[in-house]
C-alpha atoms as a PDB file:
ATOM      1  CA  UNK A   1      74.779 115.542  45.364  1.00  0.00           C
ATOM      2  CA  UNK A   2      75.502 117.543  41.600  1.00  0.00           C
ATOM      3  CA  UNK A   3      75.982 116.111  37.541  1.00  0.00           C
ATOM      4  CA  UNK A   4      77.476 113.217  37.274  1.00  0.00           C
ATOM      5  CA  UNK A   5      77.442 112.612  33.853  1.00  0.00           C
ATOM      6  CA  UNK A   6      76.581 108.711  34.128  1.00  0.00           C
ATOM      7  CA  UNK A   7      74.231 106.600  35.568  1.00  0.00           C
ATOM      8  CA  UNK A   8      73.446 102.905  35.469  1.00  0.00           C
ATOM      9  CA  UNK A   9      73.164 102.042  31.639  1.00  0.00           C
ATOM     10  CA  UNK A  10      69.867  99.607  32.087  1.00  0.00           C
ATOM     11  CA  UNK A  11      67.607 101.685  33.808  1.00  0.00           C
ATOM     12  CA  UNK A  12      69.364 105.825  33.383  1.00  0.00           C
ATOM     13  CA  UNK A  13      69.045 105.699  29.579  1.00  0.00           C
ATOM     14  CA  UNK A  14      66.340 106.642  27.336  1.00  0.00           C
ATOM     15  CA  UNK A  15      65.820 103.849  24.349  1.00  0.00           C
ATOM     16  CA  UNK A  16      68.767 104.135  22.254  1.00  0.00           C
ATOM     17  CA  UNK A  17      70.731 106.273  23.746  1.00  0.00           C
ATOM     18  CA  UNK A  18      74.691 106.285  23.770  1.00  0.00           C
ATOM     19  CA  UNK A  19      75.413 104.246  26.508  1.00  0.00           C
ATOM     20  CA  UNK A  20      77.497 105.392  29.872  1.00  0.00           C
ATOM     21  CA  UNK A  21      81.295 105.565  29.839  1.00  0.00           C
ATOM     22  CA  UNK A  22      81.609 105.577  33.441  1.00  0.00           C
ATOM     23  CA  UNK A  23      78.950 103.642  33.990  1.00  0.00           C
ATOM     24  CA  UNK A  24      81.216 100.799  36.397  1.00  0.00           C
ATOM     25  CA  UNK A  25      82.376 103.841  38.367  1.00  0.00           C
ATOM     26  CA  UNK A  26      79.010 104.872  39.322  1.00  0.00           C
ATOM     27  CA  UNK A  27      78.485 101.192  39.841  1.00  0.00           C
ATOM     28  CA  UNK A  28      81.207 101.199  42.312  1.00  0.00           C
ATOM     29  CA  UNK A  29      79.796 104.184  44.858  1.00  0.00           C
ATOM     30  CA  UNK A  30      76.993 101.890  45.330  1.00  0.00           C
ATOM     31  CA  UNK A  31      78.727  98.862  45.721  1.00  0.00           C
ATOM     32  CA  UNK A  32      82.256  99.796  46.974  1.00  0.00           C
ATOM     33  CA  UNK A  33      82.043 102.906  48.325  1.00  0.00           C
ATOM     34  CA  UNK A  34      78.153 101.730  49.585  1.00  0.00           C
ATOM     35  CA  UNK A  35      76.632 105.116  48.865  1.00  0.00           C
ATOM     36  CA  UNK A  36      72.818 104.931  48.290  1.00  0.00           C
ATOM     37  CA  UNK A  37      71.375 106.449  45.179  1.00  0.00           C
ATOM     38  CA  UNK A  38      68.300 109.125  46.933  1.00  0.00           C
ATOM     39  CA  UNK A  39      66.526 108.939  43.662  1.00  0.00           C
ATOM     40  CA  UNK A  40      66.425 105.747  43.038  1.00  0.00           C
ATOM     41  CA  UNK A  41      65.995 104.387  47.570  1.00  0.00           C
ATOM     42  CA  UNK A  42      62.848 106.525  46.874  1.00  0.00           C
ATOM     43  CA  UNK A  43      61.845 105.685  42.865  1.00  0.00           C
ATOM     44  CA  UNK A  44      62.955 102.229  42.218  1.00  0.00           C
ATOM     45  CA  UNK A  45      63.427 101.061  38.767  1.00  0.00           C
ATOM     46  CA  UNK A  46      61.179 105.036  37.227  1.00  0.00           C
ATOM     47  CA  UNK A  47      62.655 105.878  34.436  1.00  0.00           C
ATOM     48  CA  UNK A  48      63.129 109.665  35.142  1.00  0.00           C
ATOM     49  CA  UNK A  49      65.280 112.298  32.804  1.00  0.00           C
ATOM     50  CA  UNK A  50      67.368 115.572  34.393  1.00  0.00           C
ATOM     51  CA  UNK A  51      68.931 116.019  31.107  1.00  0.00           C
ATOM     52  CA  UNK A  52      67.288 115.327  27.188  1.00  0.00           C
ATOM     53  CA  UNK A  53      69.127 115.170  24.410  1.00  0.00           C
ATOM     54  CA  UNK A  54      67.002 115.586  21.125  1.00  0.00           C
ATOM     55  CA  UNK A  55      65.898 112.132  21.096  1.00  0.00           C
ATOM     56  CA  UNK A  56      66.703 110.983  24.193  1.00  0.00           C
ATOM     57  CA  UNK A  57      66.593 111.449  28.209  1.00  0.00           C
ATOM     58  CA  UNK A  58      69.345 110.591  30.907  1.00  0.00           C
ATOM     59  CA  UNK A  59      69.746 109.979  34.537  1.00  0.00           C
ATOM     60  CA  UNK A  60      72.751 112.313  34.893  1.00  0.00           C
ATOM     61  CA  UNK A  61      72.161 113.911  37.779  1.00  0.00           C
ATOM     62  CA  UNK A  62      72.454 112.213  41.394  1.00  0.00           C
ATOM     63  CA  UNK A  63      72.670 112.460  45.197  1.00  0.00           C
ATOM     64  CA  UNK A  64      74.308 109.681  47.128  1.00  0.00           C
ATOM     65  CA  UNK A  65      74.851 109.562  50.853  1.00  0.00           C
ATOM     66  CA  UNK A  66      76.624 107.127  53.104  1.00  0.00           C
ATOM     67  CA  UNK A  67      74.328 105.386  55.926  1.00  0.00           C
ATOM     68  CA  UNK A  68      75.696 107.816  58.749  1.00  0.00           C
ATOM     69  CA  UNK A  69      73.030 111.083  56.527  1.00  0.00           C
ATOM     70  CA  UNK A  70      70.658 107.997  56.822  1.00  0.00           C
ATOM     71  CA  UNK A  71      70.455 107.553  60.364  1.00  0.00           C
ATOM     72  CA  UNK A  72      71.177 111.288  60.763  1.00  0.00           C
ATOM     73  CA  UNK A  73      68.218 112.939  58.777  1.00  0.00           C
ATOM     74  CA  UNK A  74      65.529 110.821  57.956  1.00  0.00           C
ATOM     75  CA  UNK A  75      62.093 111.069  55.930  1.00  0.00           C
ATOM     76  CA  UNK A  76      64.310 112.081  52.638  1.00  0.00           C
ATOM     77  CA  UNK A  77      62.597 113.111  49.495  1.00  0.00           C
ATOM     78  CA  UNK A  78      64.522 113.192  46.112  1.00  0.00           C
ATOM     79  CA  UNK A  79      62.599 114.431  43.173  1.00  0.00           C
ATOM     80  CA  UNK A  80      62.812 116.860  39.813  1.00  0.00           C
ATOM     81  CA  UNK A  81      61.120 119.515  39.126  1.00  0.00           C
ATOM     82  CA  UNK A  82      61.236 119.113  35.412  1.00  0.00           C
ATOM     83  CA  UNK A  83      60.052 122.990  34.881  1.00  0.00           C
ATOM     84  CA  UNK A  84      63.565 124.796  34.425  1.00  0.00           C
ATOM     85  CA  UNK A  85      63.870 122.452  31.572  1.00  0.00           C
ATOM     86  CA  UNK A  86      60.801 122.639  30.311  1.00  0.00           C
ATOM     87  CA  UNK A  87      60.681 126.460  30.102  1.00  0.00           C
ATOM     88  CA  UNK A  88      64.000 127.483  28.755  1.00  0.00           C
ATOM     89  CA  UNK A  89      65.405 128.305  31.268  1.00  0.00           C
ATOM     90  CA  UNK A  90      68.721 125.423  31.839  1.00  0.00           C
ATOM     91  CA  UNK A  91      68.839 122.461  29.544  1.00  0.00           C
ATOM     92  CA  UNK A  92      68.620 120.010  33.345  1.00  0.00           C
ATOM     93  CA  UNK A  93      65.960 119.246  35.496  1.00  0.00           C
ATOM     94  CA  UNK A  94      66.304 120.401  39.107  1.00  0.00           C
ATOM     95  CA  UNK A  95      67.379 117.918  41.751  1.00  0.00           C
ATOM     96  CA  UNK A  96      65.360 118.959  44.478  1.00  0.00           C
ATOM     97  CA  UNK A  97      66.586 117.431  48.127  1.00  0.00           C
ATOM     98  CA  UNK A  98      64.389 117.200  51.219  1.00  0.00           C
ATOM     99  CA  UNK A  99      64.967 116.036  54.970  1.00  0.00           C
ATOM    100  CA  UNK A 100      64.347 116.455  58.209  1.00  0.00           C
ATOM    101  CA  UNK A 101      67.166 116.148  60.601  1.00  0.00           C
ATOM    102  CA  UNK A 102      65.861 114.351  64.439  1.00  0.00           C
END
């Protein structure tokens, strides 16, 4: 979980924002390492930005998990809290991950 400074160019960059340089490596986390993007699992193709430049938004903060984590911790919730960014405390939205294990 954290700021990876990359994402999927097709859905994690707003408008005419500069494409991510390492988007292929981010994709490999799913295709080769078989990690699951917990935010996308819950929100699908929804567009929501964890960092904004002056004109464009980018989803650069991610939480990823493997299948063993998913089996151990069910009812996973992953969301952004934009309040810290909107209040000027930081340039990032907070990524909130909550789960219950069984």
